[in-house]
Amino acid sequence: MSRYSMIVQWSDEDRLFLVTIPEFADRVVMPCTHGKTRESAIRNGEEVIEMYLEAWQAEGESIPEPNTLQTA
């Protein structure tokens, strides 16, 4: 499992759960994947994260750092 953030939101219009990855927002069209169930959307989101990381690494591009929770 990756350490990247994933936002899963229901879309009434699409009748699907849509997934966005905040760390990739500057480089990837959002939402980046979806699923009929929350579980499938999360699974698809994990696959998309791995796919982009592998592609960026293969192309020698910089890889965004995962966001981390900042505690006081």
Protein backbone atom coordinates (compact mmCIF):
# COMPACT_ATOMS: atom_id res chain seq x y z
CA MET A 1 0.00 0.00 0.00
CA SER A 2 1.32 3.43 -0.90
CA ARG A 3 1.56 6.41 1.41
CA TYR A 4 -0.18 8.75 -1.04
CA SER A 5 -3.46 10.45 -0.17
CA MET A 6 -6.64 9.39 -1.88
CA ILE A 7 -9.99 11.19 -1.84
CA VAL A 8 -13.00 9.03 -2.67
CA GLN A 9 -16.26 10.87 -3.38
CA TRP A 10 -19.64 9.72 -4.64
CA SER A 11 -20.84 11.32 -7.90
CA ASP A 12 -24.62 11.37 -8.40
CA GLU A 13 -24.08 12.39 -12.01
CA ASP A 14 -21.77 9.46 -12.81
CA ARG A 15 -23.32 7.03 -10.30
CA LEU A 16 -19.77 6.05 -9.35
CA PHE A 17 -17.20 6.68 -6.63
CA LEU A 18 -14.55 9.02 -8.08
CA VAL A 19 -10.94 9.04 -6.88
CA THR A 20 -8.54 11.96 -6.76
CA ILE A 21 -4.94 11.88 -5.57
CA PRO A 22 -4.01 15.31 -4.18
CA GLU A 23 -0.25 14.84 -4.62
CA PHE A 24 -0.73 14.20 -8.34
CA ALA A 25 -3.13 17.12 -8.99
CA ASP A 26 -0.51 19.23 -10.80
CA ARG A 27 0.42 16.41 -13.17
CA VAL A 28 -2.69 14.26 -13.75
CA VAL A 29 -6.24 15.06 -14.82
CA MET A 30 -8.55 14.55 -11.85
CA PRO A 31 -10.47 12.52 -10.95
CA CYS A 32 -7.98 9.90 -12.03
CA THR A 33 -10.11 6.75 -11.60
CA HIS A 34 -13.43 5.47 -10.32
CA GLY A 35 -15.33 2.41 -9.13
CA LYS A 36 -18.89 1.16 -8.74
CA THR A 37 -18.19 0.47 -5.08
CA ARG A 38 -16.00 2.33 -2.58
CA GLU A 39 -13.76 -0.73 -2.33
CA SER A 40 -13.25 -1.01 -6.09
CA ALA A 41 -12.55 2.74 -6.32
CA ILE A 42 -9.85 2.44 -3.65
CA ARG A 43 -8.35 -0.63 -5.34
CA ASN A 44 -8.33 1.24 -8.68
CA GLY A 45 -6.77 4.27 -6.99
CA GLU A 46 -3.92 2.15 -5.62
CA GLU A 47 -3.31 0.71 -9.11
CA VAL A 48 -3.25 4.19 -10.65
CA ILE A 49 -0.77 5.43 -8.05
CA GLU A 50 1.58 2.53 -8.79
CA MET A 51 1.17 2.98 -12.55
CA TYR A 52 2.10 6.67 -12.45
CA LEU A 53 5.02 6.12 -10.06
CA GLU A 54 6.46 3.39 -12.30
CA ALA A 55 6.01 5.51 -15.44
CA TRP A 56 7.58 8.62 -13.90
CA GLN A 57 10.49 6.59 -12.58
CA ALA A 58 11.05 4.91 -15.97
CA GLU A 59 10.99 8.31 -17.70
CA GLY A 60 13.38 9.83 -15.16
CA GLU A 61 10.81 12.37 -14.00
CA SER A 62 10.56 13.66 -10.47
CA ILE A 63 8.16 11.82 -8.19
CA PRO A 64 5.87 13.84 -5.92
CA GLU A 65 6.37 13.33 -2.20
CA PRO A 66 3.43 11.85 -0.27
CA ASN A 67 1.59 14.27 1.98
CA THR A 68 1.84 13.51 5.69
CA LEU A 69 -0.39 14.47 8.57
CA GLN A 70 1.09 17.37 10.51
CA THR A 71 0.40 17.20 14.20
CA ALA A 72 0.77 20.14 16.55
